[in-house]
PDB file of all heavy atoms in Angstrom:
ATOM      1  N   ALA A   1      -7.025   4.050  11.325  1.00  0.00           N
ATOM      2  CA  ALA A   1      -7.559   3.011  10.479  1.00  0.00           C
ATOM      3  C   ALA A   1      -8.116   3.547   9.174  1.00  0.00           C
ATOM      4  O   ALA A   1      -7.893   3.049   8.091  1.00  0.00           O
ATOM      5  CB  ALA A   1      -8.751   2.311  11.191  1.00  0.00           C
ATOM      6  N   VAL A   2      -8.718   4.822   9.228  1.00  0.00           N
ATOM      7  CA  VAL A   2      -9.201   5.437   8.064  1.00  0.00           C
ATOM      8  C   VAL A   2      -7.989   5.796   7.124  1.00  0.00           C
ATOM      9  O   VAL A   2      -8.005   5.586   5.890  1.00  0.00           O
ATOM     10  CB  VAL A   2     -10.061   6.679   8.431  1.00  0.00           C
ATOM     11  CG1 VAL A   2     -10.451   7.476   7.156  1.00  0.00           C
ATOM     12  CG2 VAL A   2     -11.325   6.254   9.186  1.00  0.00           C
ATOM     13  N   LEU A   3      -7.008   6.425   7.737  1.00  0.00           N
ATOM     14  CA  LEU A   3      -5.889   6.888   6.918  1.00  0.00           C
ATOM     15  C   LEU A   3      -5.113   5.653   6.410  1.00  0.00           C
ATOM     16  O   LEU A   3      -4.621   5.738   5.215  1.00  0.00           O
ATOM     17  CB  LEU A   3      -4.907   7.717   7.817  1.00  0.00           C
ATOM     18  CG  LEU A   3      -5.427   9.119   8.189  1.00  0.00           C
ATOM     19  CD1 LEU A   3      -4.405   9.798   9.109  1.00  0.00           C
ATOM     20  CD2 LEU A   3      -5.670   9.923   7.035  1.00  0.00           C
ATOM     21  N   ALA A   4      -5.068   4.561   7.137  1.00  0.00           N
ATOM     22  CA  ALA A   4      -4.376   3.383   6.637  1.00  0.00           C
ATOM     23  C   ALA A   4      -5.127   2.792   5.477  1.00  0.00           C
ATOM     24  O   ALA A   4      -4.515   2.356   4.480  1.00  0.00           O
ATOM     25  CB  ALA A   4      -4.275   2.287   7.731  1.00  0.00           C
ATOM     26  N   ALA A   5      -6.495   2.842   5.512  1.00  0.00           N
ATOM     27  CA  ALA A   5      -7.226   2.288   4.319  1.00  0.00           C
ATOM     28  C   ALA A   5      -7.042   3.188   3.080  1.00  0.00           C
ATOM     29  O   ALA A   5      -6.881   2.615   2.000  1.00  0.00           O
ATOM     30  CB  ALA A   5      -8.717   2.279   4.749  1.00  0.00           C
ATOM     31  N   ILE A   6      -6.950   4.561   3.293  1.00  0.00           N
ATOM     32  CA  ILE A   6      -6.724   5.424   2.152  1.00  0.00           C
ATOM     33  C   ILE A   6      -5.320   5.190   1.582  1.00  0.00           C
ATOM     34  O   ILE A   6      -5.128   5.070   0.409  1.00  0.00           O
ATOM     35  CB  ILE A   6      -6.956   6.897   2.576  1.00  0.00           C
ATOM     36  CG1 ILE A   6      -8.418   7.086   2.971  1.00  0.00           C
ATOM     37  CG2 ILE A   6      -6.593   7.828   1.457  1.00  0.00           C
ATOM     38  CD1 ILE A   6      -8.675   8.505   3.533  1.00  0.00           C
ATOM     39  N   TYR A   7      -4.366   5.084   2.525  1.00  0.00           N
ATOM     40  CA  TYR A   7      -2.997   4.912   2.110  1.00  0.00           C
ATOM     41  C   TYR A   7      -2.839   3.589   1.332  1.00  0.00           C
ATOM     42  O   TYR A   7      -2.172   3.482   0.304  1.00  0.00           O
ATOM     43  CB  TYR A   7      -2.094   4.970   3.344  1.00  0.00           C
ATOM     44  CG  TYR A   7      -0.610   4.738   3.073  1.00  0.00           C
ATOM     45  CD1 TYR A   7      -0.082   5.053   1.845  1.00  0.00           C
ATOM     46  CD2 TYR A   7       0.251   4.352   4.111  1.00  0.00           C
ATOM     47  CE1 TYR A   7       1.342   4.904   1.632  1.00  0.00           C
ATOM     48  CE2 TYR A   7       1.626   4.246   3.901  1.00  0.00           C
ATOM     49  CZ  TYR A   7       2.100   4.552   2.691  1.00  0.00           C
ATOM     50  OH  TYR A   7       3.459   4.363   2.427  1.00  0.00           O
ATOM     51  N   ALA A   8      -3.440   2.563   1.835  1.00  0.00           N
ATOM     52  CA  ALA A   8      -3.350   1.164   1.185  1.00  0.00           C
ATOM     53  C   ALA A   8      -3.980   1.217  -0.221  1.00  0.00           C
ATOM     54  O   ALA A   8      -3.435   0.630  -1.186  1.00  0.00           O
ATOM     55  CB  ALA A   8      -3.988   0.176   2.049  1.00  0.00           C
ATOM     56  N   GLU A   9      -5.145   1.942  -0.314  1.00  0.00           N
ATOM     57  CA  GLU A   9      -5.729   1.999  -1.634  1.00  0.00           C
ATOM     58  C   GLU A   9      -4.828   2.723  -2.621  1.00  0.00           C
ATOM     59  O   GLU A   9      -4.759   2.394  -3.821  1.00  0.00           O
ATOM     60  CB  GLU A   9      -7.060   2.642  -1.471  1.00  0.00           C
ATOM     61  CG  GLU A   9      -7.951   2.769  -2.749  1.00  0.00           C
ATOM     62  CD  GLU A   9      -8.266   1.342  -3.275  1.00  0.00           C
ATOM     63  OE1 GLU A   9      -8.336   0.380  -2.497  1.00  0.00           O
ATOM     64  OE2 GLU A   9      -8.512   1.254  -4.573  1.00  0.00           O
ATOM     65  N   ASP A  10      -4.260   3.833  -2.195  1.00  0.00           N
ATOM     66  CA  ASP A  10      -3.341   4.618  -3.068  1.00  0.00           C
ATOM     67  C   ASP A  10      -2.135   3.749  -3.501  1.00  0.00           C
ATOM     68  O   ASP A  10      -1.651   3.827  -4.644  1.00  0.00           O
ATOM     69  CB  ASP A  10      -2.908   5.892  -2.389  1.00  0.00           C
ATOM     70  CG  ASP A  10      -4.013   6.937  -2.309  1.00  0.00           C
ATOM     71  OD1 ASP A  10      -5.066   6.687  -2.881  1.00  0.00           O
ATOM     72  OD2 ASP A  10      -3.743   8.015  -1.635  1.00  0.00           O
ATOM     73  N   VAL A  11      -1.629   2.917  -2.586  1.00  0.00           N
ATOM     74  CA  VAL A  11      -0.515   2.064  -2.971  1.00  0.00           C
ATOM     75  C   VAL A  11      -0.962   1.104  -4.030  1.00  0.00           C
ATOM     76  O   VAL A  11      -0.174   0.832  -4.973  1.00  0.00           O
ATOM     77  CB  VAL A  11       0.064   1.352  -1.644  1.00  0.00           C
ATOM     78  CG1 VAL A  11       1.007   0.214  -2.005  1.00  0.00           C
ATOM     79  CG2 VAL A  11       0.663   2.358  -0.693  1.00  0.00           C
ATOM     80  N   ARG A  12      -2.127   0.528  -3.819  1.00  0.00           N
ATOM     81  CA  ARG A  12      -2.581  -0.435  -4.871  1.00  0.00           C
ATOM     82  C   ARG A  12      -2.701   0.203  -6.220  1.00  0.00           C
ATOM     83  O   ARG A  12      -2.329  -0.376  -7.260  1.00  0.00           O
ATOM     84  CB  ARG A  12      -3.868  -1.073  -4.392  1.00  0.00           C
ATOM     85  CG  ARG A  12      -3.804  -1.883  -3.198  1.00  0.00           C
ATOM     86  CD  ARG A  12      -5.123  -2.693  -2.952  1.00  0.00           C
ATOM     87  NE  ARG A  12      -5.102  -3.365  -1.611  1.00  0.00           N
ATOM     88  CZ  ARG A  12      -5.600  -2.765  -0.561  1.00  0.00           C
ATOM     89  NH1 ARG A  12      -6.203  -1.579  -0.542  1.00  0.00           N
ATOM     90  NH2 ARG A  12      -5.565  -3.545   0.561  1.00  0.00           N
ATOM     91  N   GLN A  13      -3.301   1.409  -6.172  1.00  0.00           N
ATOM     92  CA  GLN A  13      -3.492   2.113  -7.459  1.00  0.00           C
ATOM     93  C   GLN A  13      -2.285   2.554  -8.102  1.00  0.00           C
ATOM     94  O   GLN A  13      -2.077   2.657  -9.320  1.00  0.00           O
ATOM     95  CB  GLN A  13      -4.438   3.319  -7.276  1.00  0.00           C
ATOM     96  CG  GLN A  13      -5.853   2.950  -6.849  1.00  0.00           C
ATOM     97  CD  GLN A  13      -6.739   4.242  -6.655  1.00  0.00           C
ATOM     98  OE1 GLN A  13      -6.261   5.339  -6.818  1.00  0.00           O
ATOM     99  NE2 GLN A  13      -8.031   3.971  -6.427  1.00  0.00           N
ATOM    100  N   ALA A  14      -1.220   2.790  -7.250  1.00  0.00           N
ATOM    101  CA  ALA A  14       0.127   3.236  -7.766  1.00  0.00           C
ATOM    102  C   ALA A  14       0.831   2.057  -8.426  1.00  0.00           C
ATOM    103  O   ALA A  14       1.859   2.261  -9.186  1.00  0.00           O
ATOM    104  CB  ALA A  14       0.909   3.783  -6.708  1.00  0.00           C
ATOM    105  N   GLY A  15       0.370   0.842  -8.177  1.00  0.00           N
ATOM    106  CA  GLY A  15       0.978  -0.398  -8.705  1.00  0.00           C
ATOM    107  C   GLY A  15       2.440  -0.612  -8.285  1.00  0.00           C
ATOM    108  O   GLY A  15       3.273  -0.991  -9.113  1.00  0.00           O
ATOM    109  N   ILE A  16       2.756  -0.331  -7.080  1.00  0.00           N
ATOM    110  CA  ILE A  16       4.076  -0.511  -6.525  1.00  0.00           C
ATOM    111  C   ILE A  16       4.290  -1.921  -6.442  1.00  0.00           C
ATOM    112  O   ILE A  16       3.502  -2.768  -5.892  1.00  0.00           O
ATOM    113  CB  ILE A  16       4.222   0.217  -5.146  1.00  0.00           C
ATOM    114  CG1 ILE A  16       3.912   1.733  -5.266  1.00  0.00           C
ATOM    115  CG2 ILE A  16       5.581  -0.027  -4.567  1.00  0.00           C
ATOM    116  CD1 ILE A  16       4.017   2.535  -4.011  1.00  0.00           C
ATOM    117  N   ALA A  17       5.523  -2.304  -6.790  1.00  0.00           N
ATOM    118  CA  ALA A  17       5.912  -3.739  -6.802  1.00  0.00           C
ATOM    119  C   ALA A  17       5.962  -4.317  -5.355  1.00  0.00           C
ATOM    120  O   ALA A  17       6.448  -3.528  -4.404  1.00  0.00           O
ATOM    121  CB  ALA A  17       7.241  -3.909  -7.412  1.00  0.00           C
ATOM    122  N   PRO A  18       5.459  -5.475  -5.066  1.00  0.00           N
ATOM    123  CA  PRO A  18       5.500  -6.045  -3.685  1.00  0.00           C
ATOM    124  C   PRO A  18       6.927  -6.123  -3.142  1.00  0.00           C
ATOM    125  O   PRO A  18       7.009  -6.219  -1.864  1.00  0.00           O
ATOM    126  CB  PRO A  18       4.822  -7.401  -3.914  1.00  0.00           C
ATOM    127  CG  PRO A  18       3.981  -7.234  -5.124  1.00  0.00           C
ATOM    128  CD  PRO A  18       4.783  -6.265  -6.048  1.00  0.00           C
ATOM    129  N   GLU A  19       7.887  -6.276  -3.977  1.00  0.00           N
ATOM    130  CA  GLU A  19       9.243  -6.296  -3.467  1.00  0.00           C
ATOM    131  C   GLU A  19       9.640  -5.172  -2.611  1.00  0.00           C
ATOM    132  O   GLU A  19      10.549  -5.288  -1.793  1.00  0.00           O
ATOM    133  CB  GLU A  19      10.225  -6.476  -4.595  1.00  0.00           C
ATOM    134  CG  GLU A  19      10.106  -7.831  -5.414  1.00  0.00           C
ATOM    135  CD  GLU A  19       8.959  -7.775  -6.396  1.00  0.00           C
ATOM    136  OE1 GLU A  19       8.448  -6.618  -6.592  1.00  0.00           O
ATOM    137  OE2 GLU A  19       8.571  -8.756  -6.879  1.00  0.00           O
ATOM    138  N   LYS A  20       9.011  -4.072  -2.808  1.00  0.00           N
ATOM    139  CA  LYS A  20       9.323  -2.823  -2.040  1.00  0.00           C
ATOM    140  C   LYS A  20       8.601  -2.737  -0.703  1.00  0.00           C
ATOM    141  O   LYS A  20       8.862  -1.850   0.087  1.00  0.00           O
ATOM    142  CB  LYS A  20       8.941  -1.587  -2.838  1.00  0.00           C
ATOM    143  CG  LYS A  20       9.795  -1.394  -4.165  1.00  0.00           C
ATOM    144  CD  LYS A  20       9.437  -0.069  -4.827  1.00  0.00           C
ATOM    145  CE  LYS A  20      10.375   0.115  -6.077  1.00  0.00           C
ATOM    146  NZ  LYS A  20      10.061   1.466  -6.762  1.00  0.00           N
ATOM    147  N   PHE A  21       7.744  -3.723  -0.508  1.00  0.00           N
ATOM    148  CA  PHE A  21       7.023  -3.711   0.775  1.00  0.00           C
ATOM    149  C   PHE A  21       7.904  -4.281   1.881  1.00  0.00           C
ATOM    150  O   PHE A  21       8.939  -4.814   1.611  1.00  0.00           O
ATOM    151  CB  PHE A  21       5.706  -4.559   0.646  1.00  0.00           C
ATOM    152  CG  PHE A  21       4.662  -3.988  -0.321  1.00  0.00           C
ATOM    153  CD1 PHE A  21       3.660  -4.803  -0.800  1.00  0.00           C
ATOM    154  CD2 PHE A  21       4.695  -2.660  -0.687  1.00  0.00           C
ATOM    155  CE1 PHE A  21       2.735  -4.290  -1.676  1.00  0.00           C
ATOM    156  CE2 PHE A  21       3.755  -2.130  -1.605  1.00  0.00           C
ATOM    157  CZ  PHE A  21       2.736  -2.975  -2.082  1.00  0.00           C
ATOM    158  N   GLY A  22       7.414  -4.206   3.064  1.00  0.00           N
ATOM    159  CA  GLY A  22       8.112  -4.634   4.202  1.00  0.00           C
ATOM    160  C   GLY A  22       7.896  -6.118   4.471  1.00  0.00           C
ATOM    161  O   GLY A  22       7.488  -6.910   3.556  1.00  0.00           O
ATOM    162  N   VAL A  23       7.966  -6.532   5.828  1.00  0.00           N
ATOM    163  CA  VAL A  23       7.867  -7.851   6.167  1.00  0.00           C
ATOM    164  C   VAL A  23       6.396  -8.310   6.106  1.00  0.00           C
ATOM    165  O   VAL A  23       5.516  -7.474   6.165  1.00  0.00           O
ATOM    166  CB  VAL A  23       8.346  -8.038   7.650  1.00  0.00           C
ATOM    167  CG1 VAL A  23       9.785  -7.648   7.761  1.00  0.00           C
ATOM    168  CG2 VAL A  23       7.508  -7.213   8.622  1.00  0.00           C
ATOM    169  N   PRO A  24       6.133  -9.603   5.984  1.00  0.00           N
ATOM    170  CA  PRO A  24       4.819 -10.093   5.986  1.00  0.00           C
ATOM    171  C   PRO A  24       4.067  -9.915   7.365  1.00  0.00           C
ATOM    172  O   PRO A  24       4.788  -9.847   8.379  1.00  0.00           O
ATOM    173  CB  PRO A  24       4.915 -11.614   5.749  1.00  0.00           C
ATOM    174  CG  PRO A  24       6.320 -11.769   5.138  1.00  0.00           C
ATOM    175  CD  PRO A  24       7.112 -10.717   5.744  1.00  0.00           C
TER     176      PRO A  24
END
């Protein structure tokens, strides 16, 4: 859970387009 939160925050800061994400 801790690593997922850090990873998610880095993804947001990287500004990756939502189209590259997976399924809802």
